[in-house]
Amino acid sequence: MVLLGTGRVEAQTFEVERDLTPTASVSATLVPTKVEEPKGNITEPGSEEASYRLEAVLNKQEVGGWNGFNTMKKIVRLAVDRGVSANTIVIILLLPLIATLVAVLHYIFGLSGYGIFTPTMVGVTFLATGILGGLFLFALILIISIAGGLFLKRLRLHFWPARSINLLFISLGTFGMMIVSSFFSLINLTKISIFPILFMIILAEDFVRTQLVKSKSEAKRLTLGTLVLAICGALMMNIRVVQEMVLLNPEIVVLLVLVINIWVGNYSGIRMSELSRFKKAIRDQSKPIRNK
């Protein structure tokens, strides 16, 4: 174009902008993180941690086709598929097992409490609140019940109206304790349901009624026995292997409950707690009887 003289060509310069901002390196170091196994309280049907753990264990089991012996496993799978919480299933299957433990401790070892229902339900309460929190809750309810009874005795009311007012004192005291416990990390009762509180109130009512009908010593003995039975039941229910066993092998639980209770129901021997009481009456079979 210059040679032909067609026109003047103007040279234009272009500025190239450079991005001086530092860029991230492509390479990265992968640091392994420790995945904690989810935990939770099985007494809460909505506990996602406990339900996730139990359902994960249940999904690893291969049931196969129905053969008659896996009927209970099929029923458990059907219940979970239909939306029943795995926590609820475990609690339902654990209740007869804990009642069997209470029966064994009573008839074999001589540990007595308020029947078989109350220790079992208080054991579920201890599982929900923790043993320390449950004992603290029961102690508070019992103290309020006794103090309220002494105060209402001066009013000379009928029994049921007096117990109704006493229940008001227990409700207010429990509500105040839940607020106070929220400030402490050792005992926190803010998330417990109404049922543990009701079971503790029932136990306190049994204590008061036994005092009126029998004696204070008998009430203390039965209450202490109920608490010990409940603690044993709560410790057993809190074992992860036991929880998984009743969920994966419910037919074994049914068989164990039947066999153990049939054996205990026909037990005619002496109780362990009565060995010291009848020690002088028990004769060693290896020693001959001396005629006087």
C-alpha atoms as a PDB file:
ATOM      1  CA  MET A   1       0.000   0.000   0.000  1.00  0.00           C
ATOM      2  CA  VAL A   2       2.941   2.353   0.602  1.00  0.00           C
ATOM      3  CA  LEU A   3       4.438   1.615  -2.746  1.00  0.00           C
ATOM      4  CA  LEU A   4       1.194   2.224  -4.565  1.00  0.00           C
ATOM      5  CA  GLY A   5       0.584   5.455  -2.666  1.00  0.00           C
ATOM      6  CA  THR A   6      -2.930   4.588  -1.903  1.00  0.00           C
ATOM      7  CA  GLY A   7      -2.793   6.112   1.540  1.00  0.00           C
ATOM      8  CA  ARG A   8      -1.051   6.503   4.801  1.00  0.00           C
ATOM      9  CA  VAL A   9      -1.182   3.715   7.245  1.00  0.00           C
ATOM     10  CA  GLU A  10      -1.154   4.669  10.917  1.00  0.00           C
ATOM     11  CA  ALA A  11       0.308   2.182  13.321  1.00  0.00           C
ATOM     12  CA  GLN A  12      -1.789   1.566  16.386  1.00  0.00           C
ATOM     13  CA  THR A  13      -0.485   0.174  19.617  1.00  0.00           C
ATOM     14  CA  PHE A  14      -2.497  -2.039  21.914  1.00  0.00           C
ATOM     15  CA  GLU A  15      -1.861  -2.196  25.637  1.00  0.00           C
ATOM     16  CA  VAL A  16      -2.190  -5.579  27.231  1.00  0.00           C
ATOM     17  CA  GLU A  17      -3.359  -5.520  30.826  1.00  0.00           C
ATOM     18  CA  ARG A  18      -1.795  -8.056  33.169  1.00  0.00           C
ATOM     19  CA  ASP A  19      -3.593  -9.521  36.090  1.00  0.00           C
ATOM     20  CA  LEU A  20      -1.107  -9.439  38.916  1.00  0.00           C
ATOM     21  CA  THR A  21      -3.433 -10.921  41.513  1.00  0.00           C
ATOM     22  CA  PRO A  22      -2.105 -14.164  42.984  1.00  0.00           C
ATOM     23  CA  THR A  23      -3.889 -17.291  41.828  1.00  0.00           C
ATOM     24  CA  ALA A  24      -4.528 -20.341  43.923  1.00  0.00           C
ATOM     25  CA  SER A  25      -2.330 -23.304  43.394  1.00  0.00           C
ATOM     26  CA  VAL A  26      -3.887 -26.253  41.628  1.00  0.00           C
ATOM     27  CA  SER A  27      -2.255 -28.769  43.897  1.00  0.00           C
ATOM     28  CA  ALA A  28      -3.759 -29.335  47.316  1.00  0.00           C
ATOM     29  CA  THR A  29      -3.004 -31.559  50.252  1.00  0.00           C
ATOM     30  CA  LEU A  30      -5.831 -33.804  51.409  1.00  0.00           C
ATOM     31  CA  VAL A  31      -5.893 -34.078  55.180  1.00  0.00           C
ATOM     32  CA  PRO A  32      -7.886 -37.076  56.433  1.00  0.00           C
ATOM     33  CA  THR A  33     -10.608 -36.073  58.847  1.00  0.00           C
ATOM     34  CA  LYS A  34     -11.921 -38.276  61.590  1.00  0.00           C
ATOM     35  CA  VAL A  35     -15.582 -39.033  61.086  1.00  0.00           C
ATOM     36  CA  GLU A  36     -17.284 -39.450  64.429  1.00  0.00           C
ATOM     37  CA  GLU A  37     -19.985 -42.065  64.665  1.00  0.00           C
ATOM     38  CA  PRO A  38     -23.317 -40.393  65.293  1.00  0.00           C
ATOM     39  CA  LYS A  39     -24.719 -40.742  68.733  1.00  0.00           C
ATOM     40  CA  GLY A  40     -28.147 -40.065  70.107  1.00  0.00           C
ATOM     41  CA  ASN A  41     -30.782 -40.947  72.608  1.00  0.00           C
ATOM     42  CA  ILE A  42     -32.932 -43.887  71.525  1.00  0.00           C
ATOM     43  CA  THR A  43     -35.750 -42.764  73.821  1.00  0.00           C
ATOM     44  CA  GLU A  44     -36.417 -39.842  71.476  1.00  0.00           C
ATOM     45  CA  PRO A  45     -38.253 -40.997  68.325  1.00  0.00           C
ATOM     46  CA  GLY A  46     -37.080 -37.890  66.468  1.00  0.00           C
ATOM     47  CA  SER A  47     -33.418 -38.303  67.342  1.00  0.00           C
ATOM     48  CA  GLU A  48     -31.763 -38.307  63.927  1.00  0.00           C
ATOM     49  CA  GLU A  49     -28.365 -39.414  65.245  1.00  0.00           C
ATOM     50  CA  ALA A  50     -29.604 -42.574  66.970  1.00  0.00           C
ATOM     51  CA  SER A  51     -32.068 -43.392  64.194  1.00  0.00           C
ATOM     52  CA  TYR A  52     -29.357 -42.950  61.544  1.00  0.00           C
ATOM     53  CA  ARG A  53     -27.026 -45.309  63.388  1.00  0.00           C
ATOM     54  CA  LEU A  54     -29.638 -48.004  63.928  1.00  0.00           C
ATOM     55  CA  GLU A  55     -31.009 -47.821  60.402  1.00  0.00           C
ATOM     56  CA  ALA A  56     -27.467 -47.981  58.994  1.00  0.00           C
ATOM     57  CA  VAL A  57     -26.883 -51.181  60.976  1.00  0.00           C
ATOM     58  CA  LEU A  58     -30.225 -52.561  59.823  1.00  0.00           C
ATOM     59  CA  ASN A  59     -29.483 -51.869  56.154  1.00  0.00           C
ATOM     60  CA  LYS A  60     -26.266 -53.892  56.325  1.00  0.00           C
ATOM     61  CA  GLN A  61     -28.189 -57.041  57.219  1.00  0.00           C
ATOM     62  CA  GLU A  62     -29.374 -59.306  54.413  1.00  0.00           C
ATOM     63  CA  VAL A  63     -32.693 -60.893  55.314  1.00  0.00           C
ATOM     64  CA  GLY A  64     -33.373 -62.736  52.096  1.00  0.00           C
ATOM     65  CA  GLY A  65     -36.643 -64.435  51.284  1.00  0.00           C
ATOM     66  CA  TRP A  66     -39.217 -65.414  53.854  1.00  0.00           C
ATOM     67  CA  ASN A  67     -38.582 -68.844  55.384  1.00  0.00           C
ATOM     68  CA  GLY A  68     -40.662 -68.718  58.555  1.00  0.00           C
ATOM     69  CA  PHE A  69     -37.720 -68.198  60.893  1.00  0.00           C
ATOM     70  CA  ASN A  70     -37.116 -64.613  59.779  1.00  0.00           C
ATOM     71  CA  THR A  71     -40.700 -63.452  60.305  1.00  0.00           C
ATOM     72  CA  MET A  72     -39.786 -60.964  63.011  1.00  0.00           C
ATOM     73  CA  LYS A  73     -36.969 -59.549  60.864  1.00  0.00           C
ATOM     74  CA  LYS A  74     -39.394 -59.071  57.994  1.00  0.00           C
ATOM     75  CA  ILE A  75     -41.841 -57.307  60.326  1.00  0.00           C
ATOM     76  CA  VAL A  76     -39.096 -54.984  61.599  1.00  0.00           C
ATOM     77  CA  ARG A  77     -38.063 -54.130  58.032  1.00  0.00           C
ATOM     78  CA  LEU A  78     -41.679 -53.483  57.072  1.00  0.00           C
ATOM     79  CA  ALA A  79     -42.164 -51.193  60.083  1.00  0.00           C
ATOM     80  CA  VAL A  80     -39.052 -49.155  59.227  1.00  0.00           C
ATOM     81  CA  ASP A  81     -40.083 -48.912  55.572  1.00  0.00           C
ATOM     82  CA  ARG A  82     -43.534 -47.672  56.631  1.00  0.00           C
ATOM     83  CA  GLY A  83     -41.984 -44.836  58.657  1.00  0.00           C
ATOM     84  CA  VAL A  84     -41.742 -46.299  62.155  1.00  0.00           C
ATOM     85  CA  SER A  85     -38.638 -44.956  63.909  1.00  0.00           C
ATOM     86  CA  ALA A  86     -35.891 -47.486  64.586  1.00  0.00           C
ATOM     87  CA  ASN A  87     -35.533 -45.952  68.062  1.00  0.00           C
ATOM     88  CA  THR A  88     -39.143 -46.800  68.886  1.00  0.00           C
ATOM     89  CA  ILE A  89     -38.730 -50.377  67.674  1.00  0.00           C
ATOM     90  CA  VAL A  90     -35.637 -50.874  69.837  1.00  0.00           C
ATOM     91  CA  ILE A  91     -37.379 -49.492  72.940  1.00  0.00           C
ATOM     92  CA  ILE A  92     -40.436 -51.712  72.387  1.00  0.00           C
ATOM     93  CA  LEU A  93     -38.273 -54.809  72.011  1.00  0.00           C
ATOM     94  CA  LEU A  94     -36.107 -53.856  74.992  1.00  0.00           C
ATOM     95  CA  LEU A  95     -39.001 -53.464  77.438  1.00  0.00           C
ATOM     96  CA  PRO A  96     -39.721 -57.213  77.895  1.00  0.00           C
ATOM     97  CA  LEU A  97     -35.985 -57.860  78.107  1.00  0.00           C
ATOM     98  CA  ILE A  98     -35.607 -55.321  80.925  1.00  0.00           C
ATOM     99  CA  ALA A  99     -38.684 -56.724  82.674  1.00  0.00           C
ATOM    100  CA  THR A 100     -37.027 -60.154  82.491  1.00  0.00           C
ATOM    101  CA  LEU A 101     -33.894 -58.696  84.083  1.00  0.00           C
ATOM    102  CA  VAL A 102     -36.032 -57.246  86.893  1.00  0.00           C
ATOM    103  CA  ALA A 103     -37.679 -60.638  87.436  1.00  0.00           C
ATOM    104  CA  VAL A 104     -34.293 -62.403  87.614  1.00  0.00           C
ATOM    105  CA  LEU A 105     -32.908 -59.854  90.085  1.00  0.00           C
ATOM    106  CA  HIS A 106     -36.016 -60.238  92.248  1.00  0.00           C
ATOM    107  CA  TYR A 107     -36.497 -64.007  92.362  1.00  0.00           C
ATOM    108  CA  ILE A 108     -32.859 -65.105  92.155  1.00  0.00           C
ATOM    109  CA  PHE A 109     -31.049 -62.319  94.008  1.00  0.00           C
ATOM    110  CA  GLY A 110     -33.907 -61.081  96.205  1.00  0.00           C
ATOM    111  CA  LEU A 111     -33.890 -57.446  95.095  1.00  0.00           C
ATOM    112  CA  SER A 112     -37.396 -56.037  95.579  1.00  0.00           C
ATOM    113  CA  GLY A 113     -39.056 -52.928  94.216  1.00  0.00           C
ATOM    114  CA  TYR A 114     -42.481 -51.548  93.351  1.00  0.00           C
ATOM    115  CA  GLY A 115     -43.566 -54.416  91.112  1.00  0.00           C
ATOM    116  CA  ILE A 116     -42.143 -54.962  87.649  1.00  0.00           C
ATOM    117  CA  PHE A 117     -43.720 -52.082  85.717  1.00  0.00           C
ATOM    118  CA  THR A 118     -42.352 -49.198  87.778  1.00  0.00           C
ATOM    119  CA  PRO A 119     -38.650 -50.286  87.738  1.00  0.00           C
ATOM    120  CA  THR A 120     -38.869 -50.896  83.978  1.00  0.00           C
ATOM    121  CA  MET A 121     -40.359 -47.482  83.246  1.00  0.00           C
ATOM    122  CA  VAL A 122     -37.966 -45.711  85.605  1.00  0.00           C
ATOM    123  CA  GLY A 123     -35.134 -47.501  83.771  1.00  0.00           C
ATOM    124  CA  VAL A 124     -36.365 -45.947  80.518  1.00  0.00           C
ATOM    125  CA  THR A 125     -36.439 -42.615  82.351  1.00  0.00           C
ATOM    126  CA  PHE A 126     -32.813 -42.995  83.417  1.00  0.00           C
ATOM    127  CA  LEU A 127     -31.918 -43.785  79.814  1.00  0.00           C
ATOM    128  CA  ALA A 128     -33.576 -40.539  78.700  1.00  0.00           C
ATOM    129  CA  THR A 129     -32.242 -38.240  81.439  1.00  0.00           C
ATOM    130  CA  GLY A 130     -29.035 -39.988  82.383  1.00  0.00           C
ATOM    131  CA  ILE A 131     -28.622 -41.760  85.709  1.00  0.00           C
ATOM    132  CA  LEU A 132     -27.320 -38.674  87.516  1.00  0.00           C
ATOM    133  CA  GLY A 133     -30.009 -36.416  86.074  1.00  0.00           C
ATOM    134  CA  GLY A 134     -32.713 -38.986  86.811  1.00  0.00           C
ATOM    135  CA  LEU A 135     -31.641 -39.387  90.435  1.00  0.00           C
ATOM    136  CA  PHE A 136     -31.521 -35.616  90.836  1.00  0.00           C
ATOM    137  CA  LEU A 137     -34.984 -35.299  89.290  1.00  0.00           C
ATOM    138  CA  PHE A 138     -36.429 -37.994  91.556  1.00  0.00           C
ATOM    139  CA  ALA A 139     -34.789 -36.485  94.654  1.00  0.00           C
ATOM    140  CA  LEU A 140     -36.307 -33.088  93.885  1.00  0.00           C
ATOM    141  CA  ILE A 141     -39.782 -34.518  93.232  1.00  0.00           C
ATOM    142  CA  LEU A 142     -39.610 -36.607  96.400  1.00  0.00           C
ATOM    143  CA  ILE A 143     -38.483 -33.654  98.537  1.00  0.00           C
ATOM    144  CA  ILE A 144     -41.249 -31.425  97.137  1.00  0.00           C
ATOM    145  CA  SER A 145     -43.820 -34.209  97.641  1.00  0.00           C
ATOM    146  CA  ILE A 146     -42.835 -34.794 101.265  1.00  0.00           C
ATOM    147  CA  ALA A 147     -42.580 -31.086 102.103  1.00  0.00           C
ATOM    148  CA  GLY A 148     -45.878 -30.341 100.382  1.00  0.00           C
ATOM    149  CA  GLY A 149     -47.549 -33.201 102.233  1.00  0.00           C
ATOM    150  CA  LEU A 150     -46.394 -31.857 105.585  1.00  0.00           C
ATOM    151  CA  PHE A 151     -47.677 -28.391 104.702  1.00  0.00           C
ATOM    152  CA  LEU A 152     -51.045 -29.630 103.398  1.00  0.00           C
ATOM    153  CA  LYS A 153     -51.548 -31.832 106.433  1.00  0.00           C
ATOM    154  CA  ARG A 154     -52.192 -28.705 108.490  1.00  0.00           C
ATOM    155  CA  LEU A 155     -55.046 -27.709 106.169  1.00  0.00           C
ATOM    156  CA  ARG A 156     -56.803 -31.041 106.851  1.00  0.00           C
ATOM    157  CA  LEU A 157     -57.962 -31.513 103.289  1.00  0.00           C
ATOM    158  CA  HIS A 158     -59.238 -34.695 101.723  1.00  0.00           C
ATOM    159  CA  PHE A 159     -56.615 -36.978 100.212  1.00  0.00           C
ATOM    160  CA  TRP A 160     -57.226 -36.330  96.506  1.00  0.00           C
ATOM    161  CA  PRO A 161     -57.481 -32.511  96.700  1.00  0.00           C
ATOM    162  CA  ALA A 162     -54.334 -32.501  98.831  1.00  0.00           C
ATOM    163  CA  ARG A 163     -52.464 -34.642  96.287  1.00  0.00           C
ATOM    164  CA  SER A 164     -53.690 -32.369  93.478  1.00  0.00           C
ATOM    165  CA  ILE A 165     -52.242 -29.309  95.204  1.00  0.00           C
ATOM    166  CA  ASN A 166     -49.083 -31.292  95.881  1.00  0.00           C
ATOM    167  CA  LEU A 167     -48.872 -32.080  92.156  1.00  0.00           C
ATOM    168  CA  LEU A 168     -49.011 -28.336  91.513  1.00  0.00           C
ATOM    169  CA  PHE A 169     -45.992 -27.878  93.796  1.00  0.00           C
ATOM    170  CA  ILE A 170     -44.163 -30.694  91.967  1.00  0.00           C
ATOM    171  CA  SER A 171     -44.933 -29.194  88.550  1.00  0.00           C
ATOM    172  CA  LEU A 172     -43.695 -25.745  89.547  1.00  0.00           C
ATOM    173  CA  GLY A 173     -40.591 -27.163  91.203  1.00  0.00           C
ATOM    174  CA  THR A 174     -39.749 -29.339  88.181  1.00  0.00           C
ATOM    175  CA  PHE A 175     -40.258 -26.408  85.836  1.00  0.00           C
ATOM    176  CA  GLY A 176     -37.929 -24.264  87.929  1.00  0.00           C
ATOM    177  CA  MET A 177     -35.320 -27.031  88.034  1.00  0.00           C
ATOM    178  CA  MET A 178     -35.388 -27.353  84.234  1.00  0.00           C
ATOM    179  CA  ILE A 179     -34.629 -23.652  83.926  1.00  0.00           C
ATOM    180  CA  VAL A 180     -31.838 -23.796  86.497  1.00  0.00           C
ATOM    181  CA  SER A 181     -30.286 -26.927  84.941  1.00  0.00           C
ATOM    182  CA  SER A 182     -29.953 -25.133  81.593  1.00  0.00           C
ATOM    183  CA  PHE A 183     -27.107 -23.077  83.091  1.00  0.00           C
ATOM    184  CA  PHE A 184     -25.058 -26.175  83.953  1.00  0.00           C
ATOM    185  CA  SER A 185     -23.369 -28.622  81.590  1.00  0.00           C
ATOM    186  CA  LEU A 186     -23.342 -31.513  84.049  1.00  0.00           C
ATOM    187  CA  ILE A 187     -27.136 -31.857  84.349  1.00  0.00           C
ATOM    188  CA  ASN A 188     -29.392 -30.432  81.649  1.00  0.00           C
ATOM    189  CA  LEU A 189     -33.047 -31.439  81.783  1.00  0.00           C
ATOM    190  CA  THR A 190     -34.400 -28.883  79.334  1.00  0.00           C
ATOM    191  CA  LYS A 191     -34.896 -31.370  76.484  1.00  0.00           C
ATOM    192  CA  ILE A 192     -36.575 -34.235  78.317  1.00  0.00           C
ATOM    193  CA  SER A 193     -40.171 -35.108  77.521  1.00  0.00           C
ATOM    194  CA  ILE A 194     -43.086 -35.222  79.938  1.00  0.00           C
ATOM    195  CA  PHE A 195     -43.020 -39.011  80.326  1.00  0.00           C
ATOM    196  CA  PRO A 196     -39.823 -39.268  82.432  1.00  0.00           C
ATOM    197  CA  ILE A 197     -41.272 -36.655  84.774  1.00  0.00           C
ATOM    198  CA  LEU A 198     -44.532 -38.595  85.050  1.00  0.00           C
ATOM    199  CA  PHE A 199     -42.713 -41.839  85.880  1.00  0.00           C
ATOM    200  CA  MET A 200     -40.737 -40.095  88.624  1.00  0.00           C
ATOM    201  CA  ILE A 201     -43.944 -38.617  90.030  1.00  0.00           C
ATOM    202  CA  ILE A 202     -45.492 -42.101  90.066  1.00  0.00           C
ATOM    203  CA  LEU A 203     -42.478 -43.433  91.974  1.00  0.00           C
ATOM    204  CA  ALA A 204     -42.722 -40.580  94.488  1.00  0.00           C
ATOM    205  CA  GLU A 205     -46.449 -41.296  94.895  1.00  0.00           C
ATOM    206  CA  ASP A 206     -45.676 -44.957  95.589  1.00  0.00           C
ATOM    207  CA  PHE A 207     -43.207 -43.873  98.250  1.00  0.00           C
ATOM    208  CA  VAL A 208     -45.761 -41.633  99.964  1.00  0.00           C
ATOM    209  CA  ARG A 209     -48.518 -44.260  99.768  1.00  0.00           C
ATOM    210  CA  THR A 210     -46.250 -46.968 101.209  1.00  0.00           C
ATOM    211  CA  GLN A 211     -45.391 -44.667 104.103  1.00  0.00           C
ATOM    212  CA  LEU A 212     -49.083 -44.232 104.901  1.00  0.00           C
ATOM    213  CA  VAL A 213     -50.087 -47.868 104.463  1.00  0.00           C
ATOM    214  CA  LYS A 214     -47.035 -49.702 105.816  1.00  0.00           C
ATOM    215  CA  SER A 215     -44.011 -47.912 107.258  1.00  0.00           C
ATOM    216  CA  LYS A 216     -41.191 -45.537 106.403  1.00  0.00           C
ATOM    217  CA  SER A 217     -38.596 -48.309 106.463  1.00  0.00           C
ATOM    218  CA  GLU A 218     -40.611 -50.379 103.980  1.00  0.00           C
ATOM    219  CA  ALA A 219     -41.047 -47.349 101.725  1.00  0.00           C
ATOM    220  CA  LYS A 220     -37.307 -46.654 101.775  1.00  0.00           C
ATOM    221  CA  ARG A 221     -36.480 -50.305 101.054  1.00  0.00           C
ATOM    222  CA  LEU A 222     -38.844 -50.572  98.097  1.00  0.00           C
ATOM    223  CA  THR A 223     -37.845 -47.192  96.690  1.00  0.00           C
ATOM    224  CA  LEU A 224     -34.134 -47.986  96.925  1.00  0.00           C
ATOM    225  CA  GLY A 225     -34.733 -51.379  95.342  1.00  0.00           C
ATOM    226  CA  THR A 226     -36.711 -49.777  92.513  1.00  0.00           C
ATOM    227  CA  LEU A 227     -33.899 -47.309  91.823  1.00  0.00           C
ATOM    228  CA  VAL A 228     -31.264 -50.065  91.772  1.00  0.00           C
ATOM    229  CA  LEU A 229     -33.381 -52.196  89.423  1.00  0.00           C
ATOM    230  CA  ALA A 230     -33.973 -49.181  87.193  1.00  0.00           C
ATOM    231  CA  ILE A 231     -30.263 -48.345  87.067  1.00  0.00           C
ATOM    232  CA  CYS A 232     -29.439 -51.942  86.067  1.00  0.00           C
ATOM    233  CA  GLY A 233     -32.084 -51.756  83.347  1.00  0.00           C
ATOM    234  CA  ALA A 234     -30.832 -48.402  82.072  1.00  0.00           C
ATOM    235  CA  LEU A 235     -27.237 -49.644  81.913  1.00  0.00           C
ATOM    236  CA  MET A 236     -28.363 -52.682  79.939  1.00  0.00           C
ATOM    237  CA  MET A 237     -30.465 -50.632  77.517  1.00  0.00           C
ATOM    238  CA  ASN A 238     -27.577 -48.233  76.939  1.00  0.00           C
ATOM    239  CA  ILE A 239     -25.279 -51.000  75.649  1.00  0.00           C
ATOM    240  CA  ARG A 240     -24.954 -50.547  71.895  1.00  0.00           C
ATOM    241  CA  VAL A 241     -24.519 -54.277  71.250  1.00  0.00           C
ATOM    242  CA  VAL A 242     -27.820 -55.004  73.008  1.00  0.00           C
ATOM    243  CA  GLN A 243     -29.619 -52.309  70.985  1.00  0.00           C
ATOM    244  CA  GLU A 244     -28.333 -53.725  67.714  1.00  0.00           C
ATOM    245  CA  MET A 245     -29.080 -57.307  68.775  1.00  0.00           C
ATOM    246  CA  VAL A 246     -32.774 -56.660  69.470  1.00  0.00           C
ATOM    247  CA  LEU A 247     -33.063 -54.832  66.147  1.00  0.00           C
ATOM    248  CA  LEU A 248     -31.217 -57.373  64.003  1.00  0.00           C
ATOM    249  CA  ASN A 249     -32.351 -60.531  65.811  1.00  0.00           C
ATOM    250  CA  PRO A 250     -35.781 -59.867  67.371  1.00  0.00           C
ATOM    251  CA  GLU A 251     -36.689 -63.565  67.312  1.00  0.00           C
ATOM    252  CA  ILE A 252     -33.781 -64.273  69.685  1.00  0.00           C
ATOM    253  CA  VAL A 253     -35.170 -61.680  72.101  1.00  0.00           C
ATOM    254  CA  VAL A 254     -38.589 -63.335  72.035  1.00  0.00           C
ATOM    255  CA  LEU A 255     -37.021 -66.751  72.655  1.00  0.00           C
ATOM    256  CA  LEU A 256     -34.811 -65.456  75.483  1.00  0.00           C
ATOM    257  CA  VAL A 257     -37.735 -63.766  77.243  1.00  0.00           C
ATOM    258  CA  LEU A 258     -39.850 -66.934  77.067  1.00  0.00           C
ATOM    259  CA  VAL A 259     -37.119 -69.359  78.176  1.00  0.00           C
ATOM    260  CA  ILE A 260     -35.750 -67.236  81.024  1.00  0.00           C
ATOM    261  CA  ASN A 261     -39.174 -66.372  82.431  1.00  0.00           C
ATOM    262  CA  ILE A 262     -40.313 -70.006  82.297  1.00  0.00           C
ATOM    263  CA  TRP A 263     -37.176 -70.976  84.207  1.00  0.00           C
ATOM    264  CA  VAL A 264     -37.521 -68.159  86.751  1.00  0.00           C
ATOM    265  CA  GLY A 265     -41.241 -68.874  87.082  1.00  0.00           C
ATOM    266  CA  ASN A 266     -40.451 -72.425  88.221  1.00  0.00           C
ATOM    267  CA  TYR A 267     -37.505 -71.481  90.437  1.00  0.00           C
ATOM    268  CA  SER A 268     -37.948 -72.833  93.955  1.00  0.00           C
ATOM    269  CA  GLY A 269     -34.504 -72.271  95.408  1.00  0.00           C
ATOM    270  CA  ILE A 270     -33.353 -69.810  98.001  1.00  0.00           C
ATOM    271  CA  ARG A 271     -32.650 -66.216  97.043  1.00  0.00           C
ATOM    272  CA  MET A 272     -29.115 -64.864  97.272  1.00  0.00           C
ATOM    273  CA  SER A 273     -30.138 -62.129  99.686  1.00  0.00           C
ATOM    274  CA  GLU A 274     -31.570 -64.718 102.084  1.00  0.00           C
ATOM    275  CA  LEU A 275     -28.407 -66.810 102.386  1.00  0.00           C
ATOM    276  CA  SER A 276     -27.202 -64.880 105.424  1.00  0.00           C
ATOM    277  CA  ARG A 277     -30.685 -64.993 106.951  1.00  0.00           C
ATOM    278  CA  PHE A 278     -30.996 -68.798 106.724  1.00  0.00           C
ATOM    279  CA  LYS A 279     -27.292 -69.546 107.087  1.00  0.00           C
ATOM    280  CA  LYS A 280     -27.754 -71.506 110.300  1.00  0.00           C
ATOM    281  CA  ALA A 281     -30.600 -73.562 108.832  1.00  0.00           C
ATOM    282  CA  ILE A 282     -28.580 -74.608 105.760  1.00  0.00           C
ATOM    283  CA  ARG A 283     -26.727 -77.884 106.410  1.00  0.00           C
ATOM    284  CA  ASP A 284     -23.630 -79.025 104.579  1.00  0.00           C
ATOM    285  CA  GLN A 285     -24.475 -82.318 102.822  1.00  0.00           C
ATOM    286  CA  SER A 286     -20.912 -83.617 103.221  1.00  0.00           C
ATOM    287  CA  LYS A 287     -21.109 -83.514 107.044  1.00  0.00           C
ATOM    288  CA  PRO A 288     -23.075 -86.275 108.805  1.00  0.00           C
ATOM    289  CA  ILE A 289     -25.848 -85.420 111.231  1.00  0.00           C
ATOM    290  CA  ARG A 290     -24.779 -85.903 114.840  1.00  0.00           C
ATOM    291  CA  ASN A 291     -27.351 -87.401 117.142  1.00  0.00           C
ATOM    292  CA  LYS A 292     -27.435 -85.717 120.510  1.00  0.00           C
END
